Amino acid sequence: MRKGLLAILALALPVAAGAQPAHPDRARPGAAARRGVSAVRAEAEAFMAGYARDLRAGDRAAIAARYDRRGSWRVGGGTKRFEPWALTRDHYAGPWTPPASFAWSDLSYEVLGPDAVLVTGLFRWGLAGRDPLIFSYTGLLVRQGRELRIRLEDESGPAPGTGG
């Protein structure tokens, strides 16, 4: 019992005396978590910037590759459906038409954990010879392997009065 008490005191006394642990993440609880949040947020921001580039370029294979291989949820306009990845891939390889222009607007990022980010905002989908349509956007990005991928997407709109 005496050895156990001495061991506890040996650990507790430096902390009680104000000594800082040698490891910086132990000195400031949550520092590693904050760095992790910043890293996954930056990863999500880069993902969305790349997604916009792929859409503007009409890169069908790259767009399809951004979706979760287990499939993804598509919601919006009063609908909800689960779409297997092969169906998403086939959609972008076939009937999908790229926009004349594309831009994200007012994106917000909510880090849900080290492997998931909720993205909300707006986008402008350009049509040839017309003003762009404005849609609201919600996406859930989840990690698969080393990469974030789209697990859920809601593209609602267009906003009234856009696309004239």
C-alpha atoms as a PDB file:
ATOM      1  CA  MET A   1       0.000   0.000   0.000  1.00  0.00           C
ATOM      2  CA  ARG A   2       2.832   2.401   0.846  1.00  0.00           C
ATOM      3  CA  LYS A   3       4.460   1.901  -2.587  1.00  0.00           C
ATOM      4  CA  GLY A   4       1.128   2.579  -4.303  1.00  0.00           C
ATOM      5  CA  LEU A   5       0.612   5.783  -2.314  1.00  0.00           C
ATOM      6  CA  LEU A   6       4.164   6.939  -3.081  1.00  0.00           C
ATOM      7  CA  ALA A   7       3.639   6.313  -6.791  1.00  0.00           C
ATOM      8  CA  ILE A   8       0.458   8.387  -6.780  1.00  0.00           C
ATOM      9  CA  LEU A   9       2.152  11.208  -4.890  1.00  0.00           C
ATOM     10  CA  ALA A  10       5.103  11.143  -7.298  1.00  0.00           C
ATOM     11  CA  LEU A  11       2.697  11.714 -10.184  1.00  0.00           C
ATOM     12  CA  ALA A  12       0.461  14.231  -8.415  1.00  0.00           C
ATOM     13  CA  LEU A  13       3.028  16.513  -6.774  1.00  0.00           C
ATOM     14  CA  PRO A  14       4.518  18.016  -9.947  1.00  0.00           C
ATOM     15  CA  VAL A  15       1.016  18.842 -11.213  1.00  0.00           C
ATOM     16  CA  ALA A  16       0.004  20.347  -7.862  1.00  0.00           C
ATOM     17  CA  ALA A  17       3.196  22.415  -7.843  1.00  0.00           C
ATOM     18  CA  GLY A  18       2.342  23.835 -11.279  1.00  0.00           C
ATOM     19  CA  ALA A  19       4.853  21.859 -13.329  1.00  0.00           C
ATOM     20  CA  GLN A  20       3.948  21.396 -16.979  1.00  0.00           C
ATOM     21  CA  PRO A  21       4.131  17.959 -18.547  1.00  0.00           C
ATOM     22  CA  ALA A  22       6.841  17.586 -21.173  1.00  0.00           C
ATOM     23  CA  HIS A  23       4.436  16.830 -24.039  1.00  0.00           C
ATOM     24  CA  PRO A  24       2.746  20.034 -25.343  1.00  0.00           C
ATOM     25  CA  ASP A  25      -0.581  18.303 -26.073  1.00  0.00           C
ATOM     26  CA  ARG A  26      -0.779  17.178 -22.460  1.00  0.00           C
ATOM     27  CA  ALA A  27      -0.009  20.702 -21.289  1.00  0.00           C
ATOM     28  CA  ARG A  28      -3.074  22.011 -23.114  1.00  0.00           C
ATOM     29  CA  PRO A  29      -5.870  19.484 -23.295  1.00  0.00           C
ATOM     30  CA  GLY A  30      -7.683  19.803 -26.575  1.00  0.00           C
ATOM     31  CA  ALA A  31      -4.742  21.243 -28.553  1.00  0.00           C
ATOM     32  CA  ALA A  32      -4.388  18.084 -30.637  1.00  0.00           C
ATOM     33  CA  ALA A  33      -8.148  17.972 -31.157  1.00  0.00           C
ATOM     34  CA  ARG A  34      -8.139  21.599 -32.354  1.00  0.00           C
ATOM     35  CA  ARG A  35      -5.319  20.816 -34.790  1.00  0.00           C
ATOM     36  CA  GLY A  36      -7.291  17.794 -35.998  1.00  0.00           C
ATOM     37  CA  VAL A  37     -10.391  19.947 -36.554  1.00  0.00           C
ATOM     38  CA  SER A  38      -8.322  22.483 -38.496  1.00  0.00           C
ATOM     39  CA  ALA A  39      -6.742  19.752 -40.609  1.00  0.00           C
ATOM     40  CA  VAL A  40     -10.005  18.028 -41.577  1.00  0.00           C
ATOM     41  CA  ARG A  41     -11.641  21.411 -42.243  1.00  0.00           C
ATOM     42  CA  ALA A  42      -8.760  22.368 -44.560  1.00  0.00           C
ATOM     43  CA  GLU A  43      -9.112  18.986 -46.251  1.00  0.00           C
ATOM     44  CA  ALA A  44     -12.848  19.600 -46.756  1.00  0.00           C
ATOM     45  CA  GLU A  45     -12.182  23.079 -48.160  1.00  0.00           C
ATOM     46  CA  ALA A  46      -9.666  21.620 -50.631  1.00  0.00           C
ATOM     47  CA  PHE A  47     -12.185  18.888 -51.535  1.00  0.00           C
ATOM     48  CA  MET A  48     -14.886  21.456 -52.325  1.00  0.00           C
ATOM     49  CA  ALA A  49     -12.478  23.610 -54.365  1.00  0.00           C
ATOM     50  CA  GLY A  50     -11.476  20.522 -56.355  1.00  0.00           C
ATOM     51  CA  TYR A  51     -15.116  19.551 -56.787  1.00  0.00           C
ATOM     52  CA  ALA A  52     -15.812  22.990 -58.312  1.00  0.00           C
ATOM     53  CA  ARG A  53     -12.842  22.617 -60.694  1.00  0.00           C
ATOM     54  CA  ASP A  54     -14.076  19.181 -61.766  1.00  0.00           C
ATOM     55  CA  LEU A  55     -17.588  20.528 -62.393  1.00  0.00           C
ATOM     56  CA  ARG A  56     -16.310  23.498 -64.433  1.00  0.00           C
ATOM     57  CA  ALA A  57     -14.072  21.176 -66.458  1.00  0.00           C
ATOM     58  CA  GLY A  58     -16.877  18.658 -66.980  1.00  0.00           C
ATOM     59  CA  ASP A  59     -14.529  15.942 -65.689  1.00  0.00           C
ATOM     60  CA  ARG A  60     -17.096  13.167 -65.378  1.00  0.00           C
ATOM     61  CA  ALA A  61     -14.784  10.496 -63.945  1.00  0.00           C
ATOM     62  CA  ALA A  62     -13.317  12.866 -61.337  1.00  0.00           C
ATOM     63  CA  ILE A  63     -16.782  13.963 -60.222  1.00  0.00           C
ATOM     64  CA  ALA A  64     -18.001  10.376 -59.843  1.00  0.00           C
ATOM     65  CA  ALA A  65     -14.822   9.513 -57.918  1.00  0.00           C
ATOM     66  CA  ARG A  66     -15.778  12.084 -55.262  1.00  0.00           C
ATOM     67  CA  TYR A  67     -18.730   9.956 -54.095  1.00  0.00           C
ATOM     68  CA  ASP A  68     -18.720   7.305 -51.362  1.00  0.00           C
ATOM     69  CA  ARG A  69     -18.154   3.841 -52.859  1.00  0.00           C
ATOM     70  CA  ARG A  70     -20.832   2.412 -50.547  1.00  0.00           C
ATOM     71  CA  GLY A  71     -23.312   4.727 -52.276  1.00  0.00           C
ATOM     72  CA  SER A  72     -24.746   8.077 -51.291  1.00  0.00           C
ATOM     73  CA  TRP A  73     -27.973   9.625 -50.128  1.00  0.00           C
ATOM     74  CA  ARG A  74     -29.576  12.134 -52.491  1.00  0.00           C
ATOM     75  CA  VAL A  75     -32.209  14.384 -50.941  1.00  0.00           C
ATOM     76  CA  GLY A  76     -33.966  17.586 -51.925  1.00  0.00           C
ATOM     77  CA  GLY A  77     -37.122  18.838 -53.533  1.00  0.00           C
ATOM     78  CA  GLY A  78     -39.233  16.581 -51.352  1.00  0.00           C
ATOM     79  CA  THR A  79     -37.351  13.417 -52.305  1.00  0.00           C
ATOM     80  CA  LYS A  80     -34.929  11.029 -50.624  1.00  0.00           C
ATOM     81  CA  ARG A  81     -33.136   8.132 -52.280  1.00  0.00           C
ATOM     82  CA  PHE A  82     -30.071   6.006 -51.762  1.00  0.00           C
ATOM     83  CA  GLU A  83     -27.974   5.744 -54.899  1.00  0.00           C
ATOM     84  CA  PRO A  84     -25.389   2.953 -55.295  1.00  0.00           C
ATOM     85  CA  TRP A  85     -22.007   4.271 -56.427  1.00  0.00           C
ATOM     86  CA  ALA A  86     -22.228   2.436 -59.765  1.00  0.00           C
ATOM     87  CA  LEU A  87     -25.435   4.362 -60.541  1.00  0.00           C
ATOM     88  CA  THR A  88     -23.736   7.663 -59.654  1.00  0.00           C
ATOM     89  CA  ARG A  89     -20.767   6.750 -61.858  1.00  0.00           C
ATOM     90  CA  ASP A  90     -23.058   5.804 -64.738  1.00  0.00           C
ATOM     91  CA  HIS A  91     -25.041   9.046 -64.369  1.00  0.00           C
ATOM     92  CA  TYR A  92     -21.914  11.190 -64.699  1.00  0.00           C
ATOM     93  CA  ALA A  93     -20.596   9.019 -67.555  1.00  0.00           C
ATOM     94  CA  GLY A  94     -23.871   9.289 -69.474  1.00  0.00           C
ATOM     95  CA  PRO A  95     -26.782  11.711 -69.257  1.00  0.00           C
ATOM     96  CA  TRP A  96     -25.191  14.375 -67.025  1.00  0.00           C
ATOM     97  CA  THR A  97     -24.544  17.737 -68.670  1.00  0.00           C
ATOM     98  CA  PRO A  98     -21.760  19.951 -67.283  1.00  0.00           C
ATOM     99  CA  PRO A  99     -22.568  23.545 -66.375  1.00  0.00           C
ATOM    100  CA  ALA A 100     -21.532  26.510 -68.534  1.00  0.00           C
ATOM    101  CA  SER A 101     -20.110  27.960 -65.299  1.00  0.00           C
ATOM    102  CA  PHE A 102     -20.023  26.946 -61.656  1.00  0.00           C
ATOM    103  CA  ALA A 103     -19.174  28.649 -58.356  1.00  0.00           C
ATOM    104  CA  TRP A 104     -19.668  27.865 -54.677  1.00  0.00           C
ATOM    105  CA  SER A 105     -20.878  30.687 -52.460  1.00  0.00           C
ATOM    106  CA  ASP A 106     -20.947  31.149 -48.688  1.00  0.00           C
ATOM    107  CA  LEU A 107     -19.790  27.628 -47.792  1.00  0.00           C
ATOM    108  CA  SER A 108     -19.770  26.732 -44.089  1.00  0.00           C
ATOM    109  CA  TYR A 109     -17.937  23.755 -42.621  1.00  0.00           C
ATOM    110  CA  GLU A 110     -18.990  21.883 -39.486  1.00  0.00           C
ATOM    111  CA  VAL A 111     -16.412  19.306 -38.463  1.00  0.00           C
ATOM    112  CA  LEU A 112     -18.290  16.347 -36.981  1.00  0.00           C
ATOM    113  CA  GLY A 113     -15.189  14.305 -36.156  1.00  0.00           C
ATOM    114  CA  PRO A 114     -11.823  13.357 -37.625  1.00  0.00           C
ATOM    115  CA  ASP A 115     -13.534  11.600 -40.533  1.00  0.00           C
ATOM    116  CA  ALA A 116     -16.672  13.650 -41.241  1.00  0.00           C
ATOM    117  CA  VAL A 117     -17.515  17.224 -42.243  1.00  0.00           C
ATOM    118  CA  LEU A 118     -20.905  18.786 -42.918  1.00  0.00           C
ATOM    119  CA  VAL A 119     -20.768  21.406 -45.689  1.00  0.00           C
ATOM    120  CA  THR A 120     -23.587  23.898 -46.309  1.00  0.00           C
ATOM    121  CA  GLY A 121     -23.871  26.836 -48.647  1.00  0.00           C
ATOM    122  CA  LEU A 122     -24.969  27.901 -52.082  1.00  0.00           C
ATOM    123  CA  PHE A 123     -23.834  27.369 -55.643  1.00  0.00           C
ATOM    124  CA  ARG A 124     -24.376  29.089 -58.975  1.00  0.00           C
ATOM    125  CA  TRP A 125     -24.976  26.725 -61.883  1.00  0.00           C
ATOM    126  CA  GLY A 126     -24.454  28.490 -65.188  1.00  0.00           C
ATOM    127  CA  LEU A 127     -26.558  27.766 -68.235  1.00  0.00           C
ATOM    128  CA  ALA A 128     -25.504  28.814 -71.730  1.00  0.00           C
ATOM    129  CA  GLY A 129     -27.071  32.158 -72.671  1.00  0.00           C
ATOM    130  CA  ARG A 130     -28.897  32.577 -69.330  1.00  0.00           C
ATOM    131  CA  ASP A 131     -28.228  33.921 -65.878  1.00  0.00           C
ATOM    132  CA  PRO A 132     -26.974  31.232 -63.487  1.00  0.00           C
ATOM    133  CA  LEU A 133     -29.378  29.304 -61.303  1.00  0.00           C
ATOM    134  CA  ILE A 134     -28.758  29.552 -57.554  1.00  0.00           C
ATOM    135  CA  PHE A 135     -29.150  26.405 -55.460  1.00  0.00           C
ATOM    136  CA  SER A 136     -28.708  25.657 -51.768  1.00  0.00           C
ATOM    137  CA  TYR A 137     -26.279  22.872 -50.956  1.00  0.00           C
ATOM    138  CA  THR A 138     -25.745  20.466 -48.073  1.00  0.00           C
ATOM    139  CA  GLY A 139     -23.148  17.743 -48.265  1.00  0.00           C
ATOM    140  CA  LEU A 140     -21.819  15.227 -45.779  1.00  0.00           C
ATOM    141  CA  LEU A 141     -18.204  14.314 -46.493  1.00  0.00           C
ATOM    142  CA  VAL A 142     -16.906  11.144 -44.847  1.00  0.00           C
ATOM    143  CA  ARG A 143     -13.494   9.577 -44.984  1.00  0.00           C
ATOM    144  CA  GLN A 144     -13.010   6.416 -47.004  1.00  0.00           C
ATOM    145  CA  GLY A 145      -9.475   5.210 -46.748  1.00  0.00           C
ATOM    146  CA  ARG A 146      -7.413   8.388 -46.917  1.00  0.00           C
ATOM    147  CA  GLU A 147      -9.909  10.556 -48.807  1.00  0.00           C
ATOM    148  CA  LEU A 148     -13.088  12.438 -48.042  1.00  0.00           C
ATOM    149  CA  ARG A 149     -16.025  11.414 -50.189  1.00  0.00           C
ATOM    150  CA  ILE A 150     -19.644  12.518 -50.531  1.00  0.00           C
ATOM    151  CA  ARG A 151     -22.020  10.358 -48.480  1.00  0.00           C
ATOM    152  CA  LEU A 152     -25.056  12.662 -48.593  1.00  0.00           C
ATOM    153  CA  GLU A 153     -25.949  15.526 -50.889  1.00  0.00           C
ATOM    154  CA  ASP A 154     -28.906  17.909 -51.018  1.00  0.00           C
ATOM    155  CA  GLU A 155     -29.042  20.325 -53.934  1.00  0.00           C
ATOM    156  CA  SER A 156     -32.256  22.291 -53.519  1.00  0.00           C
ATOM    157  CA  GLY A 157     -33.527  25.004 -55.777  1.00  0.00           C
ATOM    158  CA  PRO A 158     -33.243  26.852 -57.926  1.00  0.00           C
ATOM    159  CA  ALA A 159     -33.931  30.004 -55.963  1.00  0.00           C
ATOM    160  CA  PRO A 160     -36.948  31.947 -57.281  1.00  0.00           C
ATOM    161  CA  GLY A 161     -36.017  34.600 -59.796  1.00  0.00           C
ATOM    162  CA  THR A 162     -32.707  33.035 -60.856  1.00  0.00           C
ATOM    163  CA  GLY A 163     -31.797  31.714 -64.261  1.00  0.00           C
ATOM    164  CA  GLY A 164     -33.625  34.385 -66.258  1.00  0.00           C
END
